[in-house]
Protein backbone atom coordinates (compact mmCIF):
# COMPACT_ATOMS: atom_id res chain seq x y z
CA MET A 1 43.14 29.95 -27.71
CA GLY A 2 46.44 31.44 -28.47
CA ALA A 3 49.79 30.94 -28.64
CA PRO A 4 52.22 28.99 -26.60
CA VAL A 5 53.57 30.32 -23.83
CA THR A 6 56.71 29.01 -22.89
CA LEU A 7 57.85 32.00 -20.12
CA VAL A 8 58.12 30.66 -16.59
CA PRO A 9 57.42 32.10 -14.98
CA SER A 10 54.17 33.73 -16.09
CA SER A 11 49.90 34.27 -15.75
CA VAL A 12 48.52 32.39 -18.40
CA ARG A 13 44.47 33.14 -18.88
CA VAL A 14 43.11 29.12 -19.19
CA THR A 15 40.15 29.16 -21.76
CA GLY A 16 36.19 29.38 -20.02
CA ASP A 17 35.17 26.31 -21.96
CA VAL A 18 35.32 22.91 -20.37
CA ALA A 19 34.01 22.04 -23.82
CA GLU A 20 37.13 23.23 -25.84
CA LEU A 21 39.78 22.39 -22.66
CA GLN A 22 38.73 18.71 -23.85
CA ARG A 23 39.13 18.50 -27.05
CA LEU A 24 42.09 20.75 -27.30
CA GLN A 25 42.81 18.39 -23.46
CA VAL A 26 43.06 15.12 -25.96
CA GLY A 27 46.96 14.12 -26.13
CA HIS A 28 48.30 16.65 -23.95
CA GLY A 29 47.90 14.49 -20.58
CA GLY A 30 43.34 13.74 -20.83
CA PHE A 31 40.52 16.17 -19.09
CA ASN A 32 40.10 15.88 -15.77
CA GLU A 33 36.49 16.71 -14.15
CA GLU A 34 38.31 18.71 -11.60
CA MET A 35 40.25 21.51 -14.15
CA ARG A 36 37.20 23.34 -13.61
CA ASP A 37 38.35 24.52 -11.13
CA ILE A 38 40.67 26.75 -13.92
CA LEU A 39 38.31 26.91 -16.76
CA GLY A 40 38.49 30.97 -18.04
CA ARG A 41 40.90 31.65 -14.30
CA VAL A 42 43.86 33.05 -14.64
CA VAL A 43 47.03 30.91 -13.72
CA GLU A 44 50.47 30.08 -13.10
CA VAL A 45 53.03 28.90 -15.45
CA THR A 46 54.86 26.28 -13.40
CA GLY A 47 57.17 24.87 -16.14
CA ILE A 48 56.51 23.47 -19.68
CA ALA A 49 55.73 18.62 -19.31
CA ASP A 50 56.88 16.83 -22.25
CA GLY A 51 58.67 19.61 -23.89
CA LYS A 52 55.47 20.89 -25.09
CA ASP A 53 52.94 20.99 -22.51
CA VAL A 54 52.62 23.79 -19.86
CA ARG A 55 52.31 22.89 -16.12
CA VAL A 56 50.16 25.46 -14.27
CA GLN A 57 49.41 25.93 -10.72
CA TRP A 58 46.24 27.10 -9.46
CA ASN A 59 45.91 26.98 -5.39
CA ASP A 60 47.08 23.35 -4.46
CA SER A 61 46.62 22.14 -7.84
CA VAL A 62 49.44 21.19 -10.75
CA TRP A 63 48.07 20.99 -13.83
CA THR A 64 49.08 20.04 -17.96
CA VAL A 65 47.63 21.64 -20.26
CA ASN A 66 47.76 22.14 -24.21
CA PRO A 67 49.27 25.28 -25.15
CA GLU A 68 46.56 25.92 -27.11
CA ALA A 69 44.42 26.64 -24.62
CA VAL A 70 45.82 29.45 -22.99
CA THR A 71 46.98 33.25 -23.28
CA LYS A 72 49.05 34.78 -22.18
CA ALA A 73 47.62 36.91 -19.23
CA SER A 74 48.45 41.50 -18.26
CA ALA A 75 49.96 42.00 -15.37
CA ASP A 76 46.68 44.08 -14.43
CA GLU A 77 45.09 40.40 -14.45
CA ALA A 78 47.19 38.65 -12.91
CA GLU A 79 46.79 40.70 -9.98
CA GLU A 80 43.19 40.57 -10.51
CA GLU A 81 43.39 37.34 -9.46
CA GLU A 82 45.16 37.53 -7.10
CA ASP A 83 43.09 39.36 -5.26
CA GLU A 84 40.20 37.06 -6.10
CA GLU A 85 39.64 35.57 -2.28
CA ASN A 86 40.08 31.48 -1.80
CA PRO A 87 37.23 30.29 -0.33
CA ALA A 88 39.03 26.97 0.41
CA GLU A 89 42.05 29.58 2.35
CA GLU A 90 39.63 31.68 3.82
CA LEU A 91 37.58 28.54 5.68
CA ALA A 92 41.19 27.51 7.02
CA LYS A 93 41.53 31.13 8.61
CA LEU A 94 38.65 29.96 10.41
CA PHE A 95 39.40 27.20 11.44
CA LEU A 96 42.41 27.50 12.77
CA ALA A 97 41.55 31.34 14.39
CA ALA A 98 38.58 29.18 16.00
CA ALA A 99 40.90 26.70 17.14
CA LEU A 100 42.99 29.73 18.26
CA LEU A 101 40.56 31.15 20.55
CA GLN A 102 39.62 27.98 21.80
CA ALA A 103 43.44 27.16 23.12
CA MET A 104 43.08 30.36 24.20
CA ALA A 105 39.23 29.47 26.58
CA ASP A 106 40.67 26.29 27.77
CA ARG A 107 44.09 27.76 29.05
CA SER A 108 42.25 30.63 31.36
CA GLY A 109 39.10 27.89 32.53
CA SER A 110 42.19 25.41 33.60
CA SER A 111 44.31 28.12 35.55
């Protein structure tokens, strides 16, 4: 897909082709089904593993990927990805708001 990326930190786009990522991951940590979450996404490079692989982070997950599976993302692509809502984060915010409202209701009911 692209040339190795070595700038840490930087943003890269992971290939969107699951078959290609599976093939490229042989000898580079293998493919995990949870890696489907990063297919086609712009992710942050957090380091280099074993002097040859790229460590990337998306949400709370960190993956080791073959550098051939990523391309350097433009600043615009990285900004667009940051603007996308993360469903897990949004759900956590809703649960927190509900818990705060419940605590407030419990407090006012006990007075």
